[in-house]
Amino acid sequence: MAVGLHTAPPSIIAIHGGDGTLHRAVAALGKAFGDTPLPPIAILGGGTMNVVSSSLAIRQKATPYLSALVEAVRSGRRLETVRRRCLRIGGTLGFIFGNGLMANFLTEYYGKGEYGPARATWLLLRAVGSAAINGPFIHKIFKRFEGTIEVDGQALERTVFIGFGAATVREVGLGFKLNHRADDDVERFGVLAIHGRPTGLLPDFWPVYRGRGVSPKRSFSAVASTVTITPKAGSMAYTIDGDLYRGEGPLTISVGPHIDFVRPPALSAIGEAHRAPALPPAPPTAPSSAESAR
């Protein structure tokens, strides 16, 4: 399908699904299009979290969004877009990369086959409670990554991390903006290396939610064009846009191609075309005989 779209590119490609669907669709399109720019993409959020679209303030429901897009294209109306680069992670494309904490959390999240904000919230609260009593669950979630990380050719001094992330969007779910440097330079991507003790991160929950990030005392953050991760164990688990992977040897993350995401048309443009016309005012009624006699 992706090859066919390259042969006859449409004006817009609409993708219905969650972050994993978006990741795999963009990866397939990137492979098919090569150096040719992709057509604008409309994210019709249909997943459980929809982190990428939420980060880009694209929160319109799929059906009215698609209807408005079809009407706009047919009428020749110009649509606004927001441009973002994606990440090139090894041989694929994505928007949010994470190992350590991020991959461990998702392993638990998918463990019982129940997905959605409610389960993610439950796991977050369980982790906080476990941290308060130094329980086994927090150590499972915060199992550390060991290895070397080079950011734009410079190796980080530390080699043990709670987790490392790279992203071109800020959010990671439930409104938490863990990748707070992702918007600093739209031509590069934000990176975050977290270290320290699990309980030491409790004061960072609210700042992360507000978009201020993890304290520099417990993390390293920057914007970058290239990152190389070499796991000490030879392999590592990691996540790309919510999908879990395990890779062998060093992994390189670099700046991927530009993607223009279509902003949903204004709510008025979505609703007005389908709104029933207002009824005309009722004609004045003739006065009754009793009223005429008064």
Protein backbone atom coordinates (compact mmCIF):
# COMPACT_ATOMS: atom_id res chain seq x y z
CA MET A 1 0.00 0.00 0.00
CA ALA A 2 2.80 2.44 0.90
CA VAL A 3 4.45 1.84 -2.49
CA GLY A 4 1.15 2.56 -4.23
CA LEU A 5 0.81 5.83 -2.34
CA HIS A 6 4.28 6.80 -3.51
CA THR A 7 3.36 6.01 -7.10
CA ALA A 8 0.23 8.17 -6.95
CA PRO A 9 0.57 10.46 -3.91
CA PRO A 10 -2.70 11.72 -2.44
CA SER A 11 -3.14 15.25 -1.18
CA ILE A 12 -3.46 13.97 2.41
CA ILE A 13 -2.82 10.62 4.08
CA ALA A 14 -5.19 9.97 7.00
CA ILE A 15 -4.05 7.41 9.59
CA HIS A 16 -6.58 6.02 12.04
CA GLY A 17 -5.14 4.38 15.12
CA GLY A 18 -2.90 4.97 18.10
CA ASP A 19 0.77 5.80 18.46
CA GLY A 20 1.95 2.35 17.44
CA THR A 21 -0.15 2.44 14.27
CA LEU A 22 1.21 5.90 13.46
CA HIS A 23 4.78 4.69 14.04
CA ARG A 24 4.43 1.67 11.76
CA ALA A 25 2.58 3.61 9.06
CA VAL A 26 5.16 6.41 8.99
CA ALA A 27 7.98 3.84 8.94
CA ALA A 28 6.43 2.08 5.95
CA LEU A 29 5.78 5.38 4.15
CA GLY A 30 9.31 6.57 4.83
CA LYS A 31 10.73 3.39 3.32
CA ALA A 32 8.50 3.69 0.24
CA PHE A 33 8.99 7.43 -0.35
CA GLY A 34 12.74 7.50 0.36
CA ASP A 35 14.01 11.06 -0.08
CA THR A 36 10.69 12.25 -1.51
CA PRO A 37 8.71 14.34 1.00
CA LEU A 38 5.65 12.61 2.43
CA PRO A 39 2.20 14.07 1.77
CA PRO A 40 0.64 15.81 4.78
CA ILE A 41 -0.60 13.36 7.41
CA ALA A 42 -3.86 13.61 9.36
CA ILE A 43 -3.86 11.66 12.63
CA LEU A 44 -7.34 10.28 13.24
CA GLY A 45 -6.74 9.31 16.84
CA GLY A 46 -8.12 5.83 17.41
CA GLY A 47 -5.75 4.43 20.04
CA THR A 48 -5.90 4.20 23.81
CA MET A 49 -3.45 7.03 24.54
CA ASN A 50 -2.79 8.98 21.28
CA VAL A 51 0.30 10.63 22.76
CA VAL A 52 1.74 12.06 19.54
CA SER A 53 -1.50 13.71 18.43
CA SER A 54 -2.15 15.03 21.94
CA SER A 55 1.33 16.56 22.04
CA LEU A 56 0.56 18.36 18.78
CA ALA A 57 -2.82 19.59 20.13
CA ILE A 58 -4.68 17.39 17.63
CA ARG A 59 -7.56 16.07 19.73
CA GLN A 60 -10.54 16.07 17.38
CA LYS A 61 -12.66 12.91 17.17
CA ALA A 62 -11.96 10.78 14.13
CA THR A 63 -15.33 10.86 12.35
CA PRO A 64 -15.99 14.63 12.31
CA TYR A 65 -12.28 15.24 11.62
CA LEU A 66 -12.34 12.98 8.57
CA SER A 67 -15.61 14.49 7.33
CA ALA A 68 -14.16 17.98 7.58
CA LEU A 69 -11.00 16.91 5.76
CA VAL A 70 -13.00 15.41 2.87
CA GLU A 71 -15.07 18.58 2.56
CA ALA A 72 -11.97 20.78 2.69
CA VAL A 73 -10.16 18.80 0.00
CA ARG A 74 -13.21 18.72 -2.27
CA SER A 75 -13.73 22.46 -1.91
CA GLY A 76 -10.04 23.24 -2.40
CA ARG A 77 -9.82 24.92 0.99
CA ARG A 78 -6.31 25.25 2.37
CA LEU A 79 -5.63 23.40 5.62
CA GLU A 80 -3.13 24.41 8.27
CA THR A 81 -0.30 22.03 9.17
CA VAL A 82 2.24 21.71 11.96
CA ARG A 83 5.68 20.50 10.97
CA ARG A 84 7.70 18.03 13.00
CA ARG A 85 10.68 15.87 12.31
CA CYS A 86 10.49 12.23 13.30
CA LEU A 87 13.30 10.12 14.73
CA ARG A 88 15.31 7.66 12.67
CA ILE A 89 15.88 4.81 15.10
CA GLY A 90 18.08 2.16 13.57
CA GLY A 91 16.20 1.15 10.43
CA THR A 92 12.80 2.52 11.36
CA LEU A 93 11.04 5.83 12.06
CA GLY A 94 9.17 7.03 15.12
CA PHE A 95 8.60 9.95 17.47
CA ILE A 96 9.24 8.76 21.04
CA PHE A 97 12.09 6.45 22.07
CA GLY A 98 12.77 5.19 25.58
CA ASN A 99 14.63 2.44 27.41
CA GLY A 100 14.95 1.53 31.09
CA LEU A 101 12.01 3.02 33.01
CA MET A 102 9.98 3.74 29.87
CA ALA A 103 10.30 0.19 28.49
CA ASN A 104 9.82 -1.39 31.93
CA PHE A 105 6.61 0.55 32.52
CA LEU A 106 5.15 -0.51 29.17
CA THR A 107 6.08 -4.14 29.81
CA GLU A 108 3.88 -3.99 32.92
CA TYR A 109 1.24 -1.94 31.11
CA TYR A 110 0.78 -4.60 28.42
CA GLY A 111 1.21 -7.50 30.85
CA LYS A 112 -2.47 -8.30 31.47
CA GLY A 113 -3.86 -7.32 28.10
CA GLU A 114 -5.82 -4.39 29.51
CA TYR A 115 -4.94 -1.05 27.95
CA GLY A 116 -5.98 2.52 28.45
CA PRO A 117 -5.57 5.55 30.69
CA ALA A 118 -7.16 3.78 33.67
CA ARG A 119 -4.54 1.02 33.69
CA ALA A 120 -1.71 3.48 33.12
CA THR A 121 -2.96 5.60 36.04
CA TRP A 122 -3.25 2.52 38.27
CA LEU A 123 0.33 1.47 37.48
CA LEU A 124 1.57 5.00 38.15
CA LEU A 125 -0.17 5.11 41.53
CA ARG A 126 1.08 1.63 42.34
CA ALA A 127 4.64 2.73 41.54
CA VAL A 128 4.29 5.78 43.79
CA GLY A 129 2.97 3.63 46.64
CA SER A 130 5.72 1.07 46.17
CA ALA A 131 8.33 3.84 46.19
CA ALA A 132 6.97 5.15 49.49
CA ILE A 133 7.63 1.78 51.18
CA ASN A 134 10.62 0.77 49.02
CA GLY A 135 8.61 -2.20 47.73
CA PRO A 136 9.59 -4.70 45.02
CA PHE A 137 7.35 -3.20 42.31
CA ILE A 138 9.25 0.08 42.19
CA HIS A 139 12.53 -1.79 41.74
CA LYS A 140 10.98 -3.77 38.90
CA ILE A 141 9.79 -0.63 37.15
CA PHE A 142 13.06 1.20 37.80
CA LYS A 143 15.38 -1.60 36.73
CA ARG A 144 18.35 0.36 35.41
CA PHE A 145 19.91 0.49 31.99
CA GLU A 146 23.69 0.12 31.88
CA GLY A 147 25.75 1.21 28.90
CA THR A 148 27.35 4.14 27.15
CA ILE A 149 25.41 6.97 25.56
CA GLU A 150 26.95 9.42 23.10
CA VAL A 151 25.05 12.64 22.37
CA ASP A 152 26.31 14.35 19.22
CA GLY A 153 29.61 12.50 19.59
CA GLN A 154 30.13 13.33 23.29
CA ALA A 155 29.86 10.41 25.72
CA LEU A 156 27.91 11.02 28.91
CA GLU A 157 29.97 10.57 32.06
CA ARG A 158 27.48 8.22 33.67
CA THR A 159 26.94 4.68 32.44
CA VAL A 160 24.02 3.64 34.69
CA PHE A 161 20.61 5.22 34.12
CA ILE A 162 17.05 4.86 35.31
CA GLY A 163 16.15 5.47 31.70
CA PHE A 164 17.07 7.31 28.53
CA GLY A 165 14.62 8.95 26.17
CA ALA A 166 14.67 10.82 22.87
CA ALA A 167 11.65 12.44 21.25
CA THR A 168 10.33 15.08 18.89
CA VAL A 169 7.14 15.53 20.96
CA ARG A 170 6.93 16.37 24.66
CA GLU A 171 4.29 14.06 26.10
CA VAL A 172 4.58 10.41 27.10
CA GLY A 173 1.00 9.82 28.25
CA LEU A 174 -1.56 11.06 30.80
CA GLY A 175 -0.42 14.62 30.06
CA PHE A 176 3.10 14.09 31.48
CA LYS A 177 5.65 16.04 29.45
CA LEU A 178 8.72 13.97 30.22
CA ASN A 179 10.52 15.03 27.03
CA HIS A 180 10.37 18.71 27.92
CA ARG A 181 13.17 19.72 25.50
CA ALA A 182 11.45 18.27 22.42
CA ASP A 183 10.06 21.65 21.31
CA ASP A 184 13.30 23.59 21.88
CA ASP A 185 14.53 23.02 18.30
CA VAL A 186 12.10 21.57 15.77
CA GLU A 187 15.02 20.59 13.53
CA ARG A 188 16.49 18.32 16.22
CA PHE A 189 15.11 16.24 19.07
CA GLY A 190 15.07 16.37 22.84
CA VAL A 191 17.05 13.87 24.92
CA LEU A 192 16.71 12.98 28.60
CA ALA A 193 18.95 10.71 30.68
CA ILE A 194 17.57 10.05 34.19
CA HIS A 195 19.74 8.88 37.08
CA GLY A 196 19.48 8.78 40.84
CA ARG A 197 17.20 6.81 43.18
CA PRO A 198 13.56 6.02 42.33
CA THR A 199 12.25 7.73 45.47
CA GLY A 200 14.32 10.78 44.60
CA LEU A 201 12.10 11.35 41.55
CA LEU A 202 8.89 11.83 43.53
CA PRO A 203 9.37 15.64 43.72
CA ASP A 204 9.62 15.71 39.91
CA PHE A 205 6.11 14.40 39.21
CA TRP A 206 4.41 17.80 39.20
CA PRO A 207 7.21 19.66 37.32
CA VAL A 208 7.18 16.92 34.65
CA TYR A 209 3.40 17.22 34.31
CA ARG A 210 3.73 20.99 33.97
CA GLY A 211 6.44 20.64 31.31
CA ARG A 212 9.44 21.75 33.36
CA GLY A 213 11.13 18.35 33.27
CA VAL A 214 13.11 16.29 35.74
CA SER A 215 15.44 18.29 37.98
CA PRO A 216 18.99 18.70 36.59
CA LYS A 217 20.18 17.16 39.86
CA ARG A 218 18.66 13.88 38.73
CA SER A 219 18.92 14.07 34.95
CA PHE A 220 20.76 15.26 31.87
CA SER A 221 18.73 16.93 29.13
CA ALA A 222 19.66 18.52 25.82
CA VAL A 223 18.70 18.80 22.17
CA ALA A 224 20.62 16.66 19.72
CA SER A 225 20.95 15.48 16.14
CA THR A 226 22.52 12.08 16.81
CA VAL A 227 22.61 9.65 19.72
CA THR A 228 24.38 6.30 19.92
CA ILE A 229 23.45 3.86 22.69
CA THR A 230 25.66 0.87 23.43
CA PRO A 231 24.22 -1.50 26.07
CA LYS A 232 26.68 -3.16 28.42
CA ALA A 233 24.73 -6.41 28.25
CA GLY A 234 24.91 -6.47 24.44
CA SER A 235 21.16 -6.09 24.02
CA MET A 236 18.41 -3.90 25.44
CA ALA A 237 14.67 -3.54 25.55
CA TYR A 238 13.24 -0.26 24.33
CA THR A 239 10.04 1.32 23.15
CA ILE A 240 9.18 3.30 20.04
CA ASP A 241 5.83 5.08 20.28
CA GLY A 242 4.48 2.50 22.71
CA ASP A 243 5.65 -0.59 20.78
CA LEU A 244 8.24 -2.76 22.54
CA TYR A 245 11.46 -3.96 20.89
CA ARG A 246 14.64 -5.75 21.86
CA GLY A 247 17.79 -4.99 19.90
CA GLU A 248 21.36 -6.28 19.80
CA GLY A 249 24.47 -4.11 19.84
CA PRO A 250 24.71 -0.33 19.46
CA LEU A 251 21.64 1.61 18.37
CA THR A 252 21.85 4.96 16.59
CA ILE A 253 19.11 7.57 16.77
CA SER A 254 19.24 10.48 14.35
CA VAL A 255 17.02 13.19 12.89
CA GLY A 256 14.40 11.79 10.57
CA PRO A 257 12.44 13.41 7.73
CA HIS A 258 10.01 16.29 8.09
CA ILE A 259 6.34 15.45 8.42
CA ASP A 260 3.53 17.97 8.03
CA PHE A 261 0.60 17.06 10.28
CA VAL A 262 -2.78 18.48 9.31
CA ARG A 263 -4.46 20.55 11.99
CA PRO A 264 -8.18 19.83 12.39
CA PRO A 265 -10.34 22.52 10.81
CA ALA A 266 -12.07 24.85 13.26
CA LEU A 267 -14.94 23.31 15.15
CA SER A 268 -17.35 25.66 13.40
CA ALA A 269 -16.15 24.39 10.03
CA ILE A 270 -16.72 20.82 11.18
CA GLY A 271 -20.17 21.35 12.62
CA GLU A 272 -21.83 24.04 10.56
CA ALA A 273 -22.11 22.04 7.34
CA HIS A 274 -24.12 19.32 9.07
CA ARG A 275 -26.17 21.47 11.41
CA ALA A 276 -29.87 21.60 10.61
CA PRO A 277 -31.04 25.07 9.53
CA ALA A 278 -32.89 27.07 12.14
CA LEU A 279 -36.65 26.92 11.87
CA PRO A 280 -38.34 30.14 10.68
CA PRO A 281 -40.20 32.06 13.36
CA ALA A 282 -43.79 30.97 13.83
CA PRO A 283 -46.35 33.33 12.19
CA PRO A 284 -48.38 35.43 14.61
CA THR A 285 -51.62 33.75 15.61
CA ALA A 286 -54.91 35.46 14.91
CA PRO A 287 -56.56 36.89 18.01
CA SER A 288 -59.42 34.88 19.39
CA SER A 289 -62.96 36.23 19.27
CA ALA A 290 -62.89 36.85 23.02
CA GLU A 291 -59.69 38.86 22.69
CA SER A 292 -61.20 40.84 19.77
CA ALA A 293 -64.18 41.77 21.84
CA ARG A 294 -62.04 43.28 24.63
